[in-house]
Amino acid sequence: MSNQIDFEVLAQALAAAGIAHSPSELQGLAAGLLATGHGGRDEELLGVLASHVDFEPGQQFEASLAGMLVAMRDGLADGFADTGLALHLLLPADEDDLGLRVAAIAQWCEGFLVGFGTGSANTHDKDLSPGVQEALSDLAAISQVETPDADGDEEEDMFEQVAEHCRMSALMIYTDLVMRREGKPEAPASKPPTRH
């Protein structure tokens, strides 16, 4: 996909800008915003992200980093809109240490919850469907996950399942809150795929 952002490239750009937040966390935040129907305007997205990374009032992202963050959001928006099959979580590469990837998935979930909370500021739990409440509860639990002690095939499989669950939860929330509101047909991928 043309606007798929590379984790390492964004991590280096954030570090160069003195931003300690991970690409996973910032993508999660953008996904949480989009799942509430917000964050589609560049100024809105960059304003929320600037506030999240503790910029001073009026401080802005340098142009190339801002461009990467907008492209990251565009990739998410495409993924959400396109049956969800193209929705990719921004995580470290598969060959990176499992502990790093587990930490990143926790950061992604934490970011998603922050973005969701920002985008749904005046919404009460009772206004959300049971499915959305359950998905948010799952993401909150995953955001607290511990780094695994072992690093074998079983742990890798578990990581893949958790990452896929996060992706499907985000997609389900988006489908419920944005697509239904817009009267669009539901994405066929709103049911997790069966693993054989």
N, C-alpha and C. Protein backbone atom coordinates (compact mmCIF):
# COMPACT_ATOMS: atom_id res chain seq x y z
N MET A 1 0.86 -1.19 0.00
CA MET A 1 0.00 0.00 0.00
C MET A 1 0.89 1.24 0.00
N SER A 2 0.55 2.22 -0.77
CA SER A 2 1.42 3.37 -0.98
C SER A 2 1.67 4.18 0.29
N ASN A 3 0.64 4.33 1.14
CA ASN A 3 0.90 5.14 2.34
C ASN A 3 1.10 4.28 3.58
N GLN A 4 1.70 3.11 3.38
CA GLN A 4 2.08 2.27 4.52
C GLN A 4 3.39 2.84 5.08
N ILE A 5 3.36 3.23 6.33
CA ILE A 5 4.54 3.85 6.95
C ILE A 5 5.40 2.76 7.60
N ASP A 6 6.72 2.88 7.46
CA ASP A 6 7.64 1.92 8.04
C ASP A 6 7.89 2.26 9.52
N PHE A 7 7.79 1.24 10.37
CA PHE A 7 7.96 1.43 11.82
C PHE A 7 9.31 2.08 12.14
N GLU A 8 10.39 1.51 11.58
CA GLU A 8 11.74 1.99 11.90
C GLU A 8 11.94 3.43 11.46
N VAL A 9 11.48 3.75 10.26
CA VAL A 9 11.65 5.10 9.72
C VAL A 9 10.94 6.11 10.63
N LEU A 10 9.71 5.78 11.04
CA LEU A 10 8.96 6.69 11.90
C LEU A 10 9.60 6.76 13.29
N ALA A 11 10.08 5.62 13.80
CA ALA A 11 10.74 5.61 15.12
C ALA A 11 11.96 6.54 15.11
N GLN A 12 12.75 6.49 14.03
CA GLN A 12 13.93 7.35 13.93
C GLN A 12 13.54 8.82 13.83
N ALA A 13 12.48 9.10 13.07
CA ALA A 13 12.04 10.49 12.92
C ALA A 13 11.53 11.04 14.26
N LEU A 14 10.82 10.20 15.02
CA LEU A 14 10.32 10.63 16.33
C LEU A 14 11.49 10.88 17.28
N ALA A 15 12.45 9.95 17.28
CA ALA A 15 13.63 10.10 18.15
C ALA A 15 14.41 11.37 17.80
N ALA A 16 14.56 11.63 16.50
CA ALA A 16 15.28 12.82 16.06
C ALA A 16 14.58 14.10 16.51
N ALA A 17 13.25 14.02 16.63
CA ALA A 17 12.47 15.19 17.07
C ALA A 17 12.38 15.26 18.60
N GLY A 18 13.05 14.31 19.28
CA GLY A 18 13.04 14.31 20.75
C GLY A 18 11.72 13.81 21.34
N ILE A 19 10.98 13.01 20.56
CA ILE A 19 9.69 12.49 21.02
C ILE A 19 9.89 11.06 21.49
N ALA A 20 9.56 10.79 22.76
CA ALA A 20 9.82 9.48 23.35
C ALA A 20 8.73 8.46 23.08
N HIS A 21 7.64 8.86 22.45
CA HIS A 21 6.52 7.93 22.21
C HIS A 21 6.83 7.02 21.03
N SER A 22 6.28 5.80 21.09
CA SER A 22 6.56 4.84 20.01
C SER A 22 5.61 5.05 18.83
N PRO A 23 6.05 4.64 17.62
CA PRO A 23 5.16 4.70 16.46
C PRO A 23 3.87 3.91 16.71
N SER A 24 3.98 2.78 17.41
CA SER A 24 2.80 1.95 17.69
C SER A 24 1.76 2.73 18.50
N GLU A 25 2.24 3.43 19.52
CA GLU A 25 1.33 4.20 20.38
C GLU A 25 0.63 5.30 19.58
N LEU A 26 1.40 6.00 18.74
CA LEU A 26 0.82 7.11 17.97
C LEU A 26 -0.15 6.60 16.90
N GLN A 27 0.18 5.44 16.29
CA GLN A 27 -0.76 4.88 15.32
C GLN A 27 -2.04 4.42 16.03
N GLY A 28 -1.87 3.82 17.21
CA GLY A 28 -3.04 3.39 17.99
C GLY A 28 -3.93 4.58 18.33
N LEU A 29 -3.30 5.70 18.70
CA LEU A 29 -4.06 6.90 19.03
C LEU A 29 -4.85 7.38 17.80
N ALA A 30 -4.19 7.40 16.65
CA ALA A 30 -4.88 7.83 15.41
C ALA A 30 -6.03 6.87 15.09
N ALA A 31 -5.81 5.56 15.31
CA ALA A 31 -6.85 4.57 15.04
C ALA A 31 -8.04 4.78 15.98
N GLY A 32 -7.76 5.06 17.25
CA GLY A 32 -8.83 5.31 18.22
C GLY A 32 -9.65 6.53 17.85
N LEU A 33 -8.96 7.58 17.38
CA LEU A 33 -9.66 8.79 16.93
C LEU A 33 -10.56 8.48 15.74
N LEU A 34 -9.99 7.80 14.74
CA LEU A 34 -10.75 7.47 13.53
C LEU A 34 -11.95 6.60 13.86
N ALA A 35 -11.80 5.71 14.84
CA ALA A 35 -12.88 4.78 15.19
C ALA A 35 -14.07 5.51 15.82
N THR A 36 -13.87 6.78 16.19
CA THR A 36 -14.98 7.58 16.72
C THR A 36 -15.46 8.59 15.68
N GLY A 37 -14.89 8.52 14.47
CA GLY A 37 -15.29 9.45 13.42
C GLY A 37 -14.53 10.77 13.46
N HIS A 38 -13.44 10.83 14.23
CA HIS A 38 -12.62 12.04 14.33
C HIS A 38 -11.23 11.78 13.75
N GLY A 39 -10.43 12.85 13.68
CA GLY A 39 -9.04 12.72 13.24
C GLY A 39 -8.86 12.71 11.74
N GLY A 40 -9.94 12.93 10.98
CA GLY A 40 -9.84 12.91 9.53
C GLY A 40 -9.21 14.17 8.95
N ARG A 41 -9.30 15.27 9.69
CA ARG A 41 -8.67 16.52 9.23
C ARG A 41 -7.23 16.57 9.75
N ASP A 42 -6.31 16.97 8.90
CA ASP A 42 -4.90 16.97 9.28
C ASP A 42 -4.63 17.80 10.54
N GLU A 43 -5.22 19.02 10.60
CA GLU A 43 -4.96 19.91 11.75
C GLU A 43 -5.45 19.25 13.05
N GLU A 44 -6.62 18.61 12.96
CA GLU A 44 -7.18 17.95 14.15
C GLU A 44 -6.26 16.82 14.61
N LEU A 45 -5.85 15.97 13.69
CA LEU A 45 -4.98 14.84 14.00
C LEU A 45 -3.67 15.34 14.62
N LEU A 46 -3.01 16.27 13.94
CA LEU A 46 -1.71 16.75 14.40
C LEU A 46 -1.83 17.49 15.73
N GLY A 47 -2.96 18.18 15.94
CA GLY A 47 -3.18 18.86 17.21
C GLY A 47 -3.30 17.88 18.37
N VAL A 48 -4.06 16.81 18.15
CA VAL A 48 -4.23 15.79 19.21
C VAL A 48 -2.89 15.10 19.48
N LEU A 49 -2.16 14.75 18.41
CA LEU A 49 -0.86 14.09 18.60
C LEU A 49 0.13 15.02 19.29
N ALA A 50 0.13 16.31 18.92
CA ALA A 50 1.06 17.27 19.55
C ALA A 50 0.77 17.37 21.04
N SER A 51 -0.50 17.40 21.38
CA SER A 51 -0.89 17.46 22.79
C SER A 51 -0.46 16.18 23.51
N HIS A 52 -0.61 15.04 22.85
CA HIS A 52 -0.27 13.75 23.44
C HIS A 52 1.22 13.63 23.73
N VAL A 53 2.05 14.18 22.84
CA VAL A 53 3.51 14.07 23.05
C VAL A 53 4.05 15.25 23.87
N ASP A 54 3.12 15.98 24.50
CA ASP A 54 3.47 17.07 25.43
C ASP A 54 4.22 18.22 24.78
N PHE A 55 3.83 18.56 23.55
CA PHE A 55 4.38 19.77 22.93
C PHE A 55 3.88 20.98 23.70
N GLU A 56 4.66 22.06 23.65
CA GLU A 56 4.22 23.33 24.23
C GLU A 56 3.06 23.87 23.39
N PRO A 57 2.17 24.68 23.97
CA PRO A 57 1.08 25.27 23.17
C PRO A 57 1.66 25.99 21.95
N GLY A 58 1.10 25.70 20.79
CA GLY A 58 1.57 26.33 19.56
C GLY A 58 2.72 25.61 18.87
N GLN A 59 3.39 24.70 19.59
CA GLN A 59 4.50 23.96 18.98
C GLN A 59 3.94 22.96 17.97
N GLN A 60 4.62 22.83 16.83
CA GLN A 60 4.11 21.94 15.78
C GLN A 60 5.17 20.93 15.37
N PHE A 61 4.70 19.85 14.72
CA PHE A 61 5.62 18.86 14.18
C PHE A 61 6.35 19.47 12.99
N GLU A 62 7.62 19.12 12.86
CA GLU A 62 8.41 19.52 11.70
C GLU A 62 7.75 18.89 10.46
N ALA A 63 7.84 19.54 9.32
CA ALA A 63 7.03 19.19 8.14
C ALA A 63 7.13 17.73 7.70
N SER A 64 8.35 17.17 7.65
CA SER A 64 8.46 15.80 7.14
C SER A 64 7.84 14.80 8.13
N LEU A 65 8.00 15.07 9.44
CA LEU A 65 7.39 14.19 10.45
C LEU A 65 5.86 14.34 10.41
N ALA A 66 5.38 15.56 10.26
CA ALA A 66 3.93 15.78 10.14
C ALA A 66 3.39 15.00 8.94
N GLY A 67 4.14 15.03 7.82
CA GLY A 67 3.74 14.29 6.63
C GLY A 67 3.64 12.79 6.88
N MET A 68 4.61 12.26 7.65
CA MET A 68 4.59 10.83 7.98
C MET A 68 3.38 10.48 8.84
N LEU A 69 3.08 11.35 9.80
CA LEU A 69 1.95 11.09 10.71
C LEU A 69 0.63 11.14 9.95
N VAL A 70 0.52 12.07 9.02
CA VAL A 70 -0.70 12.16 8.19
C VAL A 70 -0.81 10.92 7.30
N ALA A 71 0.32 10.49 6.72
CA ALA A 71 0.31 9.29 5.87
C ALA A 71 -0.06 8.05 6.70
N MET A 72 0.42 8.02 7.94
CA MET A 72 0.08 6.91 8.85
C MET A 72 -1.44 6.87 9.06
N ARG A 73 -2.03 8.06 9.29
CA ARG A 73 -3.48 8.15 9.47
C ARG A 73 -4.22 7.74 8.19
N ASP A 74 -3.70 8.18 7.03
CA ASP A 74 -4.34 7.84 5.77
C ASP A 74 -4.33 6.33 5.53
N GLY A 75 -3.22 5.68 5.90
CA GLY A 75 -3.13 4.23 5.77
C GLY A 75 -4.18 3.54 6.62
N LEU A 76 -4.37 4.06 7.84
CA LEU A 76 -5.41 3.51 8.73
C LEU A 76 -6.79 3.71 8.15
N ALA A 77 -7.05 4.92 7.65
CA ALA A 77 -8.37 5.24 7.10
C ALA A 77 -8.68 4.32 5.93
N ASP A 78 -7.67 4.10 5.07
CA ASP A 78 -7.86 3.17 3.94
C ASP A 78 -8.15 1.76 4.45
N GLY A 79 -7.40 1.36 5.48
CA GLY A 79 -7.58 0.02 6.04
C GLY A 79 -8.96 -0.17 6.63
N PHE A 80 -9.44 0.84 7.36
CA PHE A 80 -10.77 0.75 7.95
C PHE A 80 -11.84 0.70 6.85
N ALA A 81 -11.66 1.50 5.81
CA ALA A 81 -12.69 1.62 4.78
C ALA A 81 -12.73 0.41 3.86
N ASP A 82 -11.60 -0.26 3.71
CA ASP A 82 -11.48 -1.33 2.72
C ASP A 82 -11.67 -2.72 3.34
N THR A 83 -12.85 -3.00 3.84
CA THR A 83 -13.21 -4.29 4.45
C THR A 83 -12.29 -4.70 5.59
N GLY A 84 -11.36 -3.84 5.96
CA GLY A 84 -10.48 -4.14 7.09
C GLY A 84 -9.31 -5.04 6.76
N LEU A 85 -9.29 -5.62 5.57
CA LEU A 85 -8.20 -6.55 5.26
C LEU A 85 -6.87 -5.82 5.13
N ALA A 86 -6.93 -4.54 4.80
CA ALA A 86 -5.70 -3.76 4.62
C ALA A 86 -5.33 -2.98 5.88
N LEU A 87 -6.00 -3.26 6.99
CA LEU A 87 -5.69 -2.54 8.24
C LEU A 87 -4.47 -3.20 8.90
N HIS A 88 -3.36 -2.48 8.93
CA HIS A 88 -2.13 -3.02 9.49
C HIS A 88 -1.74 -2.24 10.74
N LEU A 89 -1.38 -2.98 11.80
CA LEU A 89 -0.88 -2.32 13.01
C LEU A 89 0.60 -2.01 12.79
N LEU A 90 1.01 -0.84 13.24
CA LEU A 90 2.40 -0.41 13.10
C LEU A 90 3.20 -0.97 14.27
N LEU A 91 3.88 -2.08 14.02
CA LEU A 91 4.63 -2.80 15.06
C LEU A 91 6.05 -3.05 14.57
N PRO A 92 6.97 -3.34 15.51
CA PRO A 92 8.33 -3.67 15.07
C PRO A 92 8.33 -4.89 14.14
N ALA A 93 9.38 -5.05 13.38
CA ALA A 93 9.48 -6.14 12.40
C ALA A 93 9.44 -7.51 13.08
N ASP A 94 8.96 -8.52 12.36
CA ASP A 94 8.83 -9.88 12.90
C ASP A 94 10.15 -10.43 13.44
N GLU A 95 11.27 -9.98 12.85
CA GLU A 95 12.56 -10.52 13.34
C GLU A 95 13.04 -9.81 14.61
N ASP A 96 12.38 -8.74 15.01
CA ASP A 96 12.75 -8.07 16.26
C ASP A 96 12.38 -8.93 17.45
N ASP A 97 13.00 -8.64 18.58
CA ASP A 97 12.78 -9.38 19.81
C ASP A 97 11.28 -9.39 20.17
N LEU A 98 10.79 -10.56 20.58
CA LEU A 98 9.37 -10.71 20.91
C LEU A 98 8.96 -9.74 22.02
N GLY A 99 9.84 -9.53 22.98
CA GLY A 99 9.54 -8.60 24.08
C GLY A 99 9.24 -7.19 23.57
N LEU A 100 10.01 -6.75 22.57
CA LEU A 100 9.80 -5.43 21.96
C LEU A 100 8.44 -5.36 21.29
N ARG A 101 8.09 -6.45 20.57
CA ARG A 101 6.82 -6.47 19.85
C ARG A 101 5.63 -6.53 20.81
N VAL A 102 5.80 -7.26 21.91
CA VAL A 102 4.72 -7.33 22.91
C VAL A 102 4.53 -5.96 23.55
N ALA A 103 5.64 -5.29 23.88
CA ALA A 103 5.55 -3.94 24.45
C ALA A 103 4.86 -3.00 23.46
N ALA A 104 5.17 -3.17 22.17
CA ALA A 104 4.59 -2.29 21.14
C ALA A 104 3.08 -2.52 21.02
N ILE A 105 2.64 -3.78 21.13
CA ILE A 105 1.20 -4.03 21.00
C ILE A 105 0.47 -3.44 22.20
N ALA A 106 1.11 -3.48 23.37
CA ALA A 106 0.51 -2.86 24.57
C ALA A 106 0.42 -1.35 24.37
N GLN A 107 1.49 -0.76 23.80
CA GLN A 107 1.49 0.69 23.53
C GLN A 107 0.43 1.05 22.50
N TRP A 108 0.26 0.20 21.49
CA TRP A 108 -0.76 0.45 20.47
C TRP A 108 -2.14 0.51 21.12
N CYS A 109 -2.42 -0.47 21.99
CA CYS A 109 -3.72 -0.51 22.66
C CYS A 109 -3.92 0.71 23.56
N GLU A 110 -2.86 1.07 24.27
CA GLU A 110 -2.92 2.26 25.14
C GLU A 110 -3.24 3.50 24.31
N GLY A 111 -2.54 3.64 23.17
CA GLY A 111 -2.79 4.76 22.27
C GLY A 111 -4.22 4.75 21.75
N PHE A 112 -4.70 3.56 21.37
CA PHE A 112 -6.07 3.46 20.84
C PHE A 112 -7.07 3.95 21.89
N LEU A 113 -6.88 3.55 23.14
CA LEU A 113 -7.80 3.95 24.20
C LEU A 113 -7.78 5.46 24.43
N VAL A 114 -6.58 6.06 24.33
CA VAL A 114 -6.46 7.52 24.47
C VAL A 114 -7.19 8.21 23.32
N GLY A 115 -6.93 7.72 22.09
CA GLY A 115 -7.59 8.31 20.92
C GLY A 115 -9.10 8.15 20.99
N PHE A 116 -9.54 6.96 21.41
CA PHE A 116 -10.98 6.70 21.53
C PHE A 116 -11.58 7.62 22.59
N GLY A 117 -10.89 7.76 23.72
CA GLY A 117 -11.38 8.62 24.80
C GLY A 117 -11.47 10.08 24.36
N THR A 118 -10.49 10.52 23.57
CA THR A 118 -10.50 11.89 23.05
C THR A 118 -11.65 12.09 22.07
N GLY A 119 -11.81 11.13 21.17
CA GLY A 119 -12.84 11.25 20.14
C GLY A 119 -14.26 11.06 20.65
N SER A 120 -14.41 10.36 21.76
CA SER A 120 -15.75 10.08 22.28
C SER A 120 -15.95 10.75 23.64
N ALA A 121 -15.37 11.94 23.80
CA ALA A 121 -15.35 12.63 25.09
C ALA A 121 -16.72 12.77 25.75
N ASN A 122 -17.78 12.99 24.97
CA ASN A 122 -19.10 13.20 25.57
C ASN A 122 -20.00 11.96 25.49
N THR A 123 -19.38 10.81 25.24
CA THR A 123 -20.15 9.56 25.13
C THR A 123 -20.04 8.79 26.43
N HIS A 124 -21.15 8.26 26.89
CA HIS A 124 -21.14 7.45 28.12
C HIS A 124 -21.11 5.98 27.74
N ASP A 125 -20.57 5.15 28.65
CA ASP A 125 -20.49 3.71 28.39
C ASP A 125 -21.83 3.13 27.98
N LYS A 126 -22.89 3.59 28.63
CA LYS A 126 -24.23 3.04 28.35
C LYS A 126 -24.67 3.33 26.91
N ASP A 127 -24.04 4.34 26.27
CA ASP A 127 -24.39 4.67 24.88
C ASP A 127 -23.67 3.77 23.87
N LEU A 128 -22.72 2.96 24.36
CA LEU A 128 -21.95 2.09 23.47
C LEU A 128 -22.57 0.70 23.46
N SER A 129 -22.50 0.03 22.33
CA SER A 129 -23.05 -1.33 22.25
C SER A 129 -22.21 -2.26 23.13
N PRO A 130 -22.81 -3.37 23.59
CA PRO A 130 -22.04 -4.34 24.40
C PRO A 130 -20.78 -4.81 23.67
N GLY A 131 -20.86 -4.97 22.34
CA GLY A 131 -19.69 -5.41 21.57
C GLY A 131 -18.55 -4.41 21.65
N VAL A 132 -18.88 -3.12 21.54
CA VAL A 132 -17.85 -2.08 21.62
C VAL A 132 -17.26 -2.04 23.04
N GLN A 133 -18.12 -2.14 24.05
CA GLN A 133 -17.64 -2.14 25.43
C GLN A 133 -16.68 -3.30 25.68
N GLU A 134 -17.04 -4.47 25.14
CA GLU A 134 -16.19 -5.65 25.32
C GLU A 134 -14.85 -5.47 24.59
N ALA A 135 -14.90 -4.94 23.37
CA ALA A 135 -13.67 -4.71 22.60
C ALA A 135 -12.75 -3.73 23.33
N LEU A 136 -13.33 -2.66 23.88
CA LEU A 136 -12.53 -1.68 24.63
C LEU A 136 -11.92 -2.31 25.88
N SER A 137 -12.70 -3.16 26.53
CA SER A 137 -12.22 -3.85 27.72
C SER A 137 -11.06 -4.78 27.37
N ASP A 138 -11.17 -5.48 26.23
CA ASP A 138 -10.07 -6.36 25.78
C ASP A 138 -8.81 -5.55 25.49
N LEU A 139 -8.98 -4.41 24.80
CA LEU A 139 -7.82 -3.57 24.48
C LEU A 139 -7.18 -3.02 25.75
N ALA A 140 -8.01 -2.68 26.73
CA ALA A 140 -7.47 -2.19 28.01
C ALA A 140 -6.66 -3.29 28.70
N ALA A 141 -7.15 -4.52 28.65
CA ALA A 141 -6.41 -5.64 29.26
C ALA A 141 -5.09 -5.87 28.53
N ILE A 142 -5.11 -5.81 27.20
CA ILE A 142 -3.89 -6.04 26.41
C ILE A 142 -2.88 -4.92 26.66
N SER A 143 -3.37 -3.71 26.93
CA SER A 143 -2.45 -2.59 27.18
C SER A 143 -1.63 -2.80 28.45
N GLN A 144 -2.08 -3.72 29.31
CA GLN A 144 -1.38 -4.00 30.58
C GLN A 144 -0.53 -5.27 30.51
N VAL A 145 -0.42 -5.86 29.31
CA VAL A 145 0.23 -7.17 29.17
C VAL A 145 1.70 -7.11 29.58
N GLU A 146 2.16 -8.21 30.18
CA GLU A 146 3.57 -8.32 30.61
C GLU A 146 4.41 -8.88 29.46
N THR A 147 5.67 -8.52 29.44
CA THR A 147 6.59 -9.09 28.45
C THR A 147 6.78 -10.57 28.77
N PRO A 148 6.70 -11.45 27.76
CA PRO A 148 6.83 -12.89 28.03
C PRO A 148 8.23 -13.27 28.50
N ASP A 149 8.30 -14.31 29.34
CA ASP A 149 9.60 -14.80 29.83
C ASP A 149 10.30 -15.60 28.74
N ALA A 150 9.51 -16.38 28.00
CA ALA A 150 10.08 -17.23 26.96
C ALA A 150 9.89 -16.59 25.59
N ASP A 151 10.55 -17.16 24.59
CA ASP A 151 10.50 -16.60 23.24
C ASP A 151 10.49 -17.74 22.22
N GLY A 152 9.44 -18.59 22.28
CA GLY A 152 9.39 -19.74 21.39
C GLY A 152 8.23 -19.66 20.42
N ASP A 153 7.98 -20.76 19.73
CA ASP A 153 6.90 -20.80 18.74
C ASP A 153 5.54 -20.54 19.36
N GLU A 154 5.34 -21.10 20.56
CA GLU A 154 4.04 -20.92 21.23
C GLU A 154 3.80 -19.45 21.54
N GLU A 155 4.84 -18.76 22.02
CA GLU A 155 4.72 -17.33 22.34
C GLU A 155 4.50 -16.51 21.07
N GLU A 156 5.18 -16.90 19.99
CA GLU A 156 5.00 -16.21 18.70
C GLU A 156 3.56 -16.35 18.22
N ASP A 157 3.02 -17.59 18.33
CA ASP A 157 1.63 -17.82 17.92
C ASP A 157 0.67 -16.97 18.75
N MET A 158 0.94 -16.93 20.05
CA MET A 158 0.09 -16.15 20.96
C MET A 158 0.14 -14.67 20.58
N PHE A 159 1.35 -14.18 20.27
CA PHE A 159 1.50 -12.79 19.87
C PHE A 159 0.69 -12.50 18.61
N GLU A 160 0.79 -13.40 17.61
CA GLU A 160 0.04 -13.22 16.36
C GLU A 160 -1.46 -13.15 16.63
N GLN A 161 -1.94 -14.03 17.52
CA GLN A 161 -3.38 -14.05 17.84
C GLN A 161 -3.81 -12.77 18.54
N VAL A 162 -2.97 -12.29 19.46
CA VAL A 162 -3.30 -11.05 20.19
C VAL A 162 -3.30 -9.86 19.23
N ALA A 163 -2.30 -9.80 18.35
CA ALA A 163 -2.23 -8.70 17.37
C ALA A 163 -3.46 -8.71 16.48
N GLU A 164 -3.86 -9.91 16.03
CA GLU A 164 -5.03 -10.03 15.17
C GLU A 164 -6.31 -9.63 15.94
N HIS A 165 -6.36 -9.99 17.21
CA HIS A 165 -7.53 -9.63 18.04
C HIS A 165 -7.62 -8.10 18.18
N CYS A 166 -6.47 -7.45 18.36
CA CYS A 166 -6.45 -5.98 18.46
C CYS A 166 -6.97 -5.36 17.16
N ARG A 167 -6.49 -5.88 16.05
CA ARG A 167 -6.89 -5.37 14.73
C ARG A 167 -8.40 -5.53 14.54
N MET A 168 -8.91 -6.71 14.87
CA MET A 168 -10.34 -6.97 14.69
C MET A 168 -11.19 -6.14 15.66
N SER A 169 -10.68 -5.93 16.87
CA SER A 169 -11.41 -5.11 17.85
C SER A 169 -11.53 -3.67 17.35
N ALA A 170 -10.43 -3.13 16.84
CA ALA A 170 -10.43 -1.76 16.31
C ALA A 170 -11.41 -1.66 15.14
N LEU A 171 -11.38 -2.66 14.28
CA LEU A 171 -12.25 -2.67 13.10
C LEU A 171 -13.72 -2.75 13.51
N MET A 172 -14.00 -3.59 14.50
CA MET A 172 -15.37 -3.74 14.98
C MET A 172 -15.89 -2.43 15.58
N ILE A 173 -15.04 -1.75 16.35
CA ILE A 173 -15.44 -0.47 16.95
C ILE A 173 -15.71 0.56 15.86
N TYR A 174 -14.82 0.62 14.87
CA TYR A 174 -15.00 1.55 13.75
C TYR A 174 -16.30 1.24 13.01
N THR A 175 -16.53 -0.03 12.73
CA THR A 175 -17.74 -0.45 12.01
C THR A 175 -18.99 -0.03 12.78
N ASP A 176 -18.95 -0.27 14.09
CA ASP A 176 -20.11 0.02 14.94
C ASP A 176 -20.37 1.52 15.06
N LEU A 177 -19.30 2.29 15.26
CA LEU A 177 -19.49 3.72 15.56
C LEU A 177 -19.48 4.63 14.33
N VAL A 178 -18.76 4.25 13.29
CA VAL A 178 -18.64 5.13 12.13
C VAL A 178 -19.48 4.64 10.95
N MET A 179 -19.29 3.39 10.55
CA MET A 179 -19.98 2.90 9.36
C MET A 179 -21.49 2.81 9.58
N ARG A 180 -21.90 2.35 10.75
CA ARG A 180 -23.34 2.27 11.02
C ARG A 180 -23.96 3.66 11.02
N ARG A 181 -23.24 4.60 11.64
CA ARG A 181 -23.75 5.96 11.72
C ARG A 181 -23.89 6.55 10.32
N GLU A 182 -22.95 6.20 9.45
CA GLU A 182 -23.00 6.72 8.08
C GLU A 182 -23.92 5.88 7.20
N GLY A 183 -24.49 4.81 7.77
CA GLY A 183 -25.41 3.96 7.02
C GLY A 183 -24.73 3.12 5.96
N LYS A 184 -23.41 2.87 6.15
CA LYS A 184 -22.69 2.05 5.17
C LYS A 184 -22.86 0.58 5.55
N PRO A 185 -22.77 -0.31 4.58
CA PRO A 185 -22.85 -1.73 4.92
C PRO A 185 -21.65 -2.12 5.77
N GLU A 186 -21.85 -3.08 6.63
CA GLU A 186 -20.76 -3.51 7.50
C GLU A 186 -19.67 -4.20 6.71
N ALA A 187 -18.46 -4.03 7.20
CA ALA A 187 -17.33 -4.72 6.57
C ALA A 187 -17.51 -6.21 6.79
N PRO A 188 -17.33 -7.03 5.75
CA PRO A 188 -17.52 -8.48 5.92
C PRO A 188 -16.51 -9.08 6.88
N ALA A 189 -15.40 -8.37 7.11
CA ALA A 189 -14.36 -8.94 7.97
C ALA A 189 -14.61 -8.65 9.44
N SER A 190 -15.84 -8.27 9.81
CA SER A 190 -16.07 -7.93 11.22
C SER A 190 -16.13 -9.17 12.11
N LYS A 191 -16.05 -10.35 11.52
CA LYS A 191 -15.96 -11.58 12.30
C LYS A 191 -14.53 -12.08 12.20
N PRO A 192 -13.88 -12.40 13.35
CA PRO A 192 -12.49 -12.86 13.28
C PRO A 192 -12.38 -14.10 12.40
N PRO A 193 -11.32 -14.18 11.61
CA PRO A 193 -11.14 -15.36 10.76
C PRO A 193 -10.87 -16.59 11.61
N THR A 194 -11.29 -17.74 11.12
CA THR A 194 -11.04 -18.99 11.84
C THR A 194 -9.62 -19.43 11.52
N ARG A 195 -8.91 -19.85 12.55
CA ARG A 195 -7.53 -20.32 12.33
C ARG A 195 -7.53 -21.84 12.28
N HIS A 196 -6.82 -22.40 11.33
CA HIS A 196 -6.75 -23.86 11.24
C HIS A 196 -5.32 -24.29 11.47
